[in-house]
Amino acid sequence: MAFSRPPTLLLIYKDFTYVISEFTRGKTFKFSWVVREVLFAVLLMGCLVVARRYSRNLRLMFDLQLKAFGAVEKGDYDRFVPLVSNDEFSVIAEQTKKMIVGLREREKIKKAFGKYLDPQVAVAVLNTEEDANLGGRQVEVAIMFTDLRNFTPLSARCSPQETVRVLNDYFTIGGLCHTPPRWCG
């Protein structure tokens, strides 16, 4: 509000000098002109205050949006833009929230696929523009059958976690887990 004091003081000074000069000349003083001028100055100052507050709110909303987008760009899908108003920015914030939730779900699916498939295959599946073709497609595949002696009694004795650990060790030690890059999976 400090920016509005000098113009107000100048207007008051001008009005008082005008009133005094008219009084010393003996002319009739038109008080309505002074009132109009002061009202105009007050209205102008009010408009400037409203414009300044509105611009500060705009800057705040843009900063919140940019911080949320920056967090999403870094992979932080837990950051949302708060809904602080009921205008266009709330619509943008709501759509941004939906986008972040969608990206979070996509990342979750990608990680789940990555546990069971080659990461390149998971990315290819997620990036496919067309719907999944339930009719299938013809591709060349390689199937490996392996037999572990006494695996059934072993799996009956072990917990599921231990069984998976044994299988992972078997595939890793045997080099069977290596996937040729040509086949991607």
C-alpha atoms as a PDB file:
ATOM      1  CA  MET A   1       0.000   0.000   0.000  1.00  0.00           C
ATOM      2  CA  ALA A   2       3.065   2.233   0.281  1.00  0.00           C
ATOM      3  CA  PHE A   3       3.043   2.834  -3.480  1.00  0.00           C
ATOM      4  CA  SER A   4      -0.264   4.770  -3.249  1.00  0.00           C
ATOM      5  CA  ARG A   5       0.756   7.341  -0.608  1.00  0.00           C
ATOM      6  CA  PRO A   6       2.790   9.771  -2.768  1.00  0.00           C
ATOM      7  CA  PRO A   7       0.062  10.243  -5.422  1.00  0.00           C
ATOM      8  CA  THR A   8      -2.557  10.732  -2.712  1.00  0.00           C
ATOM      9  CA  LEU A   9      -0.429  13.311  -0.927  1.00  0.00           C
ATOM     10  CA  LEU A  10       0.225  15.138  -4.192  1.00  0.00           C
ATOM     11  CA  LEU A  11      -3.503  15.249  -4.960  1.00  0.00           C
ATOM     12  CA  ILE A  12      -4.343  16.590  -1.509  1.00  0.00           C
ATOM     13  CA  TYR A  13      -1.565  19.192  -1.768  1.00  0.00           C
ATOM     14  CA  LYS A  14      -2.799  20.261  -5.226  1.00  0.00           C
ATOM     15  CA  ASP A  15      -6.382  20.558  -3.989  1.00  0.00           C
ATOM     16  CA  PHE A  16      -5.426  22.630  -0.959  1.00  0.00           C
ATOM     17  CA  THR A  17      -3.260  24.981  -3.022  1.00  0.00           C
ATOM     18  CA  TYR A  18      -6.124  25.350  -5.496  1.00  0.00           C
ATOM     19  CA  VAL A  19      -8.629  26.096  -2.722  1.00  0.00           C
ATOM     20  CA  ILE A  20      -6.303  28.647  -1.084  1.00  0.00           C
ATOM     21  CA  SER A  21      -5.495  30.382  -4.379  1.00  0.00           C
ATOM     22  CA  GLU A  22      -9.183  30.623  -5.306  1.00  0.00           C
ATOM     23  CA  PHE A  23     -10.044  31.920  -1.843  1.00  0.00           C
ATOM     24  CA  THR A  24      -7.388  34.665  -2.014  1.00  0.00           C
ATOM     25  CA  ARG A  25      -8.657  35.781  -5.433  1.00  0.00           C
ATOM     26  CA  GLY A  26     -12.160  36.024  -4.101  1.00  0.00           C
ATOM     27  CA  LYS A  27     -13.581  33.570  -6.593  1.00  0.00           C
ATOM     28  CA  THR A  28     -16.225  31.090  -5.683  1.00  0.00           C
ATOM     29  CA  PHE A  29     -14.828  27.727  -4.933  1.00  0.00           C
ATOM     30  CA  LYS A  30     -16.410  24.648  -6.507  1.00  0.00           C
ATOM     31  CA  PHE A  31     -16.211  21.993  -3.877  1.00  0.00           C
ATOM     32  CA  SER A  32     -17.801  19.377  -6.158  1.00  0.00           C
ATOM     33  CA  TRP A  33     -14.732  19.357  -8.399  1.00  0.00           C
ATOM     34  CA  VAL A  34     -12.468  18.588  -5.468  1.00  0.00           C
ATOM     35  CA  VAL A  35     -14.780  15.803  -4.282  1.00  0.00           C
ATOM     36  CA  ARG A  36     -14.832  14.289  -7.773  1.00  0.00           C
ATOM     37  CA  GLU A  37     -11.073  14.435  -8.032  1.00  0.00           C
ATOM     38  CA  VAL A  38     -10.558  12.831  -4.627  1.00  0.00           C
ATOM     39  CA  LEU A  39     -13.119  10.107  -5.429  1.00  0.00           C
ATOM     40  CA  PHE A  40     -11.383   9.436  -8.731  1.00  0.00           C
ATOM     41  CA  ALA A  41      -8.020   9.160  -6.943  1.00  0.00           C
ATOM     42  CA  VAL A  42      -9.443   6.789  -4.325  1.00  0.00           C
ATOM     43  CA  LEU A  43     -11.077   4.677  -7.047  1.00  0.00           C
ATOM     44  CA  LEU A  44      -7.830   4.575  -9.004  1.00  0.00           C
ATOM     45  CA  MET A  45      -5.889   3.521  -5.898  1.00  0.00           C
ATOM     46  CA  GLY A  46      -8.469   0.812  -5.173  1.00  0.00           C
ATOM     47  CA  CYS A  47      -8.144  -0.523  -8.714  1.00  0.00           C
ATOM     48  CA  LEU A  48      -4.367  -0.620  -8.365  1.00  0.00           C
ATOM     49  CA  VAL A  49      -4.630  -2.528  -5.074  1.00  0.00           C
ATOM     50  CA  VAL A  50      -7.059  -5.055  -6.601  1.00  0.00           C
ATOM     51  CA  ALA A  51      -4.837  -5.497  -9.676  1.00  0.00           C
ATOM     52  CA  ARG A  52      -1.767  -6.019  -7.502  1.00  0.00           C
ATOM     53  CA  ARG A  53      -3.487  -8.638  -5.326  1.00  0.00           C
ATOM     54  CA  TYR A  54      -4.892 -10.417  -8.376  1.00  0.00           C
ATOM     55  CA  SER A  55      -1.466 -10.533 -10.029  1.00  0.00           C
ATOM     56  CA  ARG A  56       0.049 -11.890  -6.806  1.00  0.00           C
ATOM     57  CA  ASN A  57      -2.606 -14.647  -6.740  1.00  0.00           C
ATOM     58  CA  LEU A  58      -1.905 -15.460 -10.391  1.00  0.00           C
ATOM     59  CA  ARG A  59       1.803 -15.712  -9.689  1.00  0.00           C
ATOM     60  CA  LEU A  60       1.107 -17.961  -6.681  1.00  0.00           C
ATOM     61  CA  MET A  61      -1.104 -20.290  -8.747  1.00  0.00           C
ATOM     62  CA  PHE A  62       1.464 -20.485 -11.559  1.00  0.00           C
ATOM     63  CA  ASP A  63       4.203 -21.250  -9.027  1.00  0.00           C
ATOM     64  CA  LEU A  64       2.120 -24.064  -7.504  1.00  0.00           C
ATOM     65  CA  GLN A  65       1.474 -25.511 -10.969  1.00  0.00           C
ATOM     66  CA  LEU A  66       5.148 -25.325 -11.929  1.00  0.00           C
ATOM     67  CA  LYS A  67       6.271 -26.966  -8.668  1.00  0.00           C
ATOM     68  CA  ALA A  68       3.826 -29.823  -9.214  1.00  0.00           C
ATOM     69  CA  PHE A  69       4.976 -30.290 -12.812  1.00  0.00           C
ATOM     70  CA  GLY A  70       8.613 -30.203 -11.697  1.00  0.00           C
ATOM     71  CA  ALA A  71       7.946 -32.898  -9.096  1.00  0.00           C
ATOM     72  CA  VAL A  72       6.155 -35.073 -11.663  1.00  0.00           C
ATOM     73  CA  GLU A  73       9.034 -34.597 -14.092  1.00  0.00           C
ATOM     74  CA  LYS A  74      11.387 -35.950 -11.393  1.00  0.00           C
ATOM     75  CA  GLY A  75       9.121 -38.967 -10.824  1.00  0.00           C
ATOM     76  CA  ASP A  76       7.385 -37.778  -7.640  1.00  0.00           C
ATOM     77  CA  TYR A  77       3.750 -38.685  -8.276  1.00  0.00           C
ATOM     78  CA  ASP A  78       2.608 -37.804  -4.750  1.00  0.00           C
ATOM     79  CA  ARG A  79       2.611 -34.034  -5.342  1.00  0.00           C
ATOM     80  CA  PHE A  80      -0.672 -32.373  -6.311  1.00  0.00           C
ATOM     81  CA  VAL A  81      -1.760 -28.814  -7.014  1.00  0.00           C
ATOM     82  CA  PRO A  82      -4.029 -27.674  -4.173  1.00  0.00           C
ATOM     83  CA  LEU A  83      -7.535 -26.487  -5.022  1.00  0.00           C
ATOM     84  CA  VAL A  84      -7.569 -22.984  -3.525  1.00  0.00           C
ATOM     85  CA  SER A  85     -10.138 -21.241  -5.687  1.00  0.00           C
ATOM     86  CA  ASN A  86     -13.250 -21.874  -7.717  1.00  0.00           C
ATOM     87  CA  ASP A  87     -12.149 -20.598 -11.110  1.00  0.00           C
ATOM     88  CA  GLU A  88     -10.176 -21.714 -14.142  1.00  0.00           C
ATOM     89  CA  PHE A  89      -7.189 -22.568 -11.972  1.00  0.00           C
ATOM     90  CA  SER A  90      -9.238 -25.094 -10.020  1.00  0.00           C
ATOM     91  CA  VAL A  91     -10.176 -26.773 -13.315  1.00  0.00           C
ATOM     92  CA  ILE A  92      -6.501 -26.871 -14.306  1.00  0.00           C
ATOM     93  CA  ALA A  93      -5.555 -28.197 -10.850  1.00  0.00           C
ATOM     94  CA  GLU A  94      -8.203 -30.927 -11.057  1.00  0.00           C
ATOM     95  CA  GLN A  95      -7.039 -32.020 -14.517  1.00  0.00           C
ATOM     96  CA  THR A  96      -3.428 -31.959 -13.331  1.00  0.00           C
ATOM     97  CA  LYS A  97      -4.399 -34.196 -10.413  1.00  0.00           C
ATOM     98  CA  LYS A  98      -6.083 -36.668 -12.789  1.00  0.00           C
ATOM     99  CA  MET A  99      -2.988 -36.653 -15.004  1.00  0.00           C
ATOM    100  CA  ILE A 100      -0.688 -37.334 -12.038  1.00  0.00           C
ATOM    101  CA  VAL A 101      -2.912 -40.190 -10.811  1.00  0.00           C
ATOM    102  CA  GLY A 102      -2.845 -41.687 -14.319  1.00  0.00           C
ATOM    103  CA  LEU A 103       0.936 -41.402 -14.492  1.00  0.00           C
ATOM    104  CA  ARG A 104       1.247 -42.990 -11.048  1.00  0.00           C
ATOM    105  CA  GLU A 105      -0.919 -45.945 -12.143  1.00  0.00           C
ATOM    106  CA  ARG A 106       1.057 -46.301 -15.371  1.00  0.00           C
ATOM    107  CA  GLU A 107       4.331 -46.351 -13.425  1.00  0.00           C
ATOM    108  CA  LYS A 108       2.900 -48.966 -11.056  1.00  0.00           C
ATOM    109  CA  ILE A 109       1.869 -51.160 -13.999  1.00  0.00           C
ATOM    110  CA  LYS A 110       5.276 -50.703 -15.614  1.00  0.00           C
ATOM    111  CA  LYS A 111       7.023 -51.826 -12.413  1.00  0.00           C
ATOM    112  CA  ALA A 112       4.699 -54.826 -12.109  1.00  0.00           C
ATOM    113  CA  PHE A 113       5.371 -55.828 -15.720  1.00  0.00           C
ATOM    114  CA  GLY A 114       9.084 -55.328 -15.135  1.00  0.00           C
ATOM    115  CA  LYS A 115       9.042 -58.020 -12.457  1.00  0.00           C
ATOM    116  CA  TYR A 116       7.729 -60.646 -14.857  1.00  0.00           C
ATOM    117  CA  LEU A 117       8.896 -59.472 -18.277  1.00  0.00           C
ATOM    118  CA  ASP A 118      11.973 -57.985 -19.807  1.00  0.00           C
ATOM    119  CA  PRO A 119      11.827 -54.194 -19.205  1.00  0.00           C
ATOM    120  CA  GLN A 120      11.903 -53.562 -22.962  1.00  0.00           C
ATOM    121  CA  VAL A 121       8.845 -55.770 -23.414  1.00  0.00           C
ATOM    122  CA  ALA A 122       7.015 -53.994 -20.585  1.00  0.00           C
ATOM    123  CA  VAL A 123       7.700 -50.584 -22.130  1.00  0.00           C
ATOM    124  CA  ALA A 124       6.640 -51.841 -25.566  1.00  0.00           C
ATOM    125  CA  VAL A 125       3.349 -53.169 -24.170  1.00  0.00           C
ATOM    126  CA  LEU A 126       2.607 -49.895 -22.366  1.00  0.00           C
ATOM    127  CA  ASN A 127       3.512 -47.765 -25.366  1.00  0.00           C
ATOM    128  CA  THR A 128       1.317 -49.705 -27.792  1.00  0.00           C
ATOM    129  CA  GLU A 129      -1.208 -47.275 -29.256  1.00  0.00           C
ATOM    130  CA  GLU A 130      -3.609 -49.934 -30.457  1.00  0.00           C
ATOM    131  CA  ASP A 131      -5.821 -51.977 -28.170  1.00  0.00           C
ATOM    132  CA  ALA A 132      -4.622 -55.395 -27.149  1.00  0.00           C
ATOM    133  CA  ASN A 133      -5.273 -57.822 -29.959  1.00  0.00           C
ATOM    134  CA  LEU A 134      -7.039 -60.664 -28.165  1.00  0.00           C
ATOM    135  CA  GLY A 135      -6.856 -62.801 -31.296  1.00  0.00           C
ATOM    136  CA  GLY A 136      -3.126 -63.024 -30.809  1.00  0.00           C
ATOM    137  CA  ARG A 137      -0.306 -62.746 -33.279  1.00  0.00           C
ATOM    138  CA  GLN A 138       2.197 -65.087 -34.756  1.00  0.00           C
ATOM    139  CA  VAL A 139       5.747 -64.803 -33.422  1.00  0.00           C
ATOM    140  CA  GLU A 140       8.798 -67.003 -33.065  1.00  0.00           C
ATOM    141  CA  VAL A 141       9.356 -68.138 -29.500  1.00  0.00           C
ATOM    142  CA  ALA A 142      11.701 -70.424 -27.638  1.00  0.00           C
ATOM    143  CA  ILE A 143      10.424 -72.612 -24.834  1.00  0.00           C
ATOM    144  CA  MET A 144      12.672 -74.185 -22.250  1.00  0.00           C
ATOM    145  CA  PHE A 145      11.657 -77.203 -20.199  1.00  0.00           C
ATOM    146  CA  THR A 146      13.749 -78.017 -17.190  1.00  0.00           C
ATOM    147  CA  ASP A 147      13.420 -80.737 -14.608  1.00  0.00           C
ATOM    148  CA  LEU A 148      14.688 -80.353 -11.079  1.00  0.00           C
ATOM    149  CA  ARG A 149      15.210 -83.610  -9.244  1.00  0.00           C
ATOM    150  CA  ASN A 150      13.109 -83.868  -6.057  1.00  0.00           C
ATOM    151  CA  PHE A 151      11.544 -80.463  -6.639  1.00  0.00           C
ATOM    152  CA  THR A 152       8.061 -81.547  -5.531  1.00  0.00           C
ATOM    153  CA  PRO A 153       9.121 -82.686  -2.041  1.00  0.00           C
ATOM    154  CA  LEU A 154      11.382 -79.622  -1.752  1.00  0.00           C
ATOM    155  CA  SER A 155       8.557 -77.235  -2.589  1.00  0.00           C
ATOM    156  CA  ALA A 156       6.268 -79.034  -0.128  1.00  0.00           C
ATOM    157  CA  ARG A 157       8.779 -78.500   2.698  1.00  0.00           C
ATOM    158  CA  CYS A 158       9.681 -74.875   1.888  1.00  0.00           C
ATOM    159  CA  SER A 159       7.663 -71.716   2.172  1.00  0.00           C
ATOM    160  CA  PRO A 160       6.639 -70.028  -1.094  1.00  0.00           C
ATOM    161  CA  GLN A 161       9.324 -67.373  -0.597  1.00  0.00           C
ATOM    162  CA  GLU A 162      12.030 -70.006  -0.128  1.00  0.00           C
ATOM    163  CA  THR A 163      10.823 -71.890  -3.199  1.00  0.00           C
ATOM    164  CA  VAL A 164      11.039 -68.745  -5.329  1.00  0.00           C
ATOM    165  CA  ARG A 165      14.515 -68.006  -3.933  1.00  0.00           C
ATOM    166  CA  VAL A 166      15.675 -71.545  -4.841  1.00  0.00           C
ATOM    167  CA  LEU A 167      14.308 -71.181  -8.375  1.00  0.00           C
ATOM    168  CA  ASN A 168      15.897 -67.758  -8.803  1.00  0.00           C
ATOM    169  CA  ASP A 169      19.238 -69.147  -7.626  1.00  0.00           C
ATOM    170  CA  TYR A 170      18.902 -72.082 -10.020  1.00  0.00           C
ATOM    171  CA  PHE A 171      18.182 -69.877 -13.015  1.00  0.00           C
ATOM    172  CA  THR A 172      20.900 -67.379 -12.095  1.00  0.00           C
ATOM    173  CA  ILE A 173      23.633 -69.943 -11.413  1.00  0.00           C
ATOM    174  CA  GLY A 174      22.804 -71.979 -14.469  1.00  0.00           C
ATOM    175  CA  GLY A 175      22.927 -68.925 -16.679  1.00  0.00           C
ATOM    176  CA  LEU A 176      19.435 -69.765 -17.779  1.00  0.00           C
ATOM    177  CA  CYS A 177      18.153 -66.348 -16.881  1.00  0.00           C
ATOM    178  CA  HIS A 178      20.196 -64.649 -19.574  1.00  0.00           C
ATOM    179  CA  THR A 179      17.952 -63.399 -22.356  1.00  0.00           C
ATOM    180  CA  PRO A 180      19.495 -62.907 -25.759  1.00  0.00           C
ATOM    181  CA  PRO A 181      18.861 -59.288 -26.811  1.00  0.00           C
ATOM    182  CA  ARG A 182      17.467 -60.458 -30.128  1.00  0.00           C
ATOM    183  CA  TRP A 183      14.433 -62.056 -28.464  1.00  0.00           C
ATOM    184  CA  CYS A 184      13.680 -59.407 -25.774  1.00  0.00           C
ATOM    185  CA  GLY A 185      12.049 -61.723 -23.283  1.00  0.00           C
END
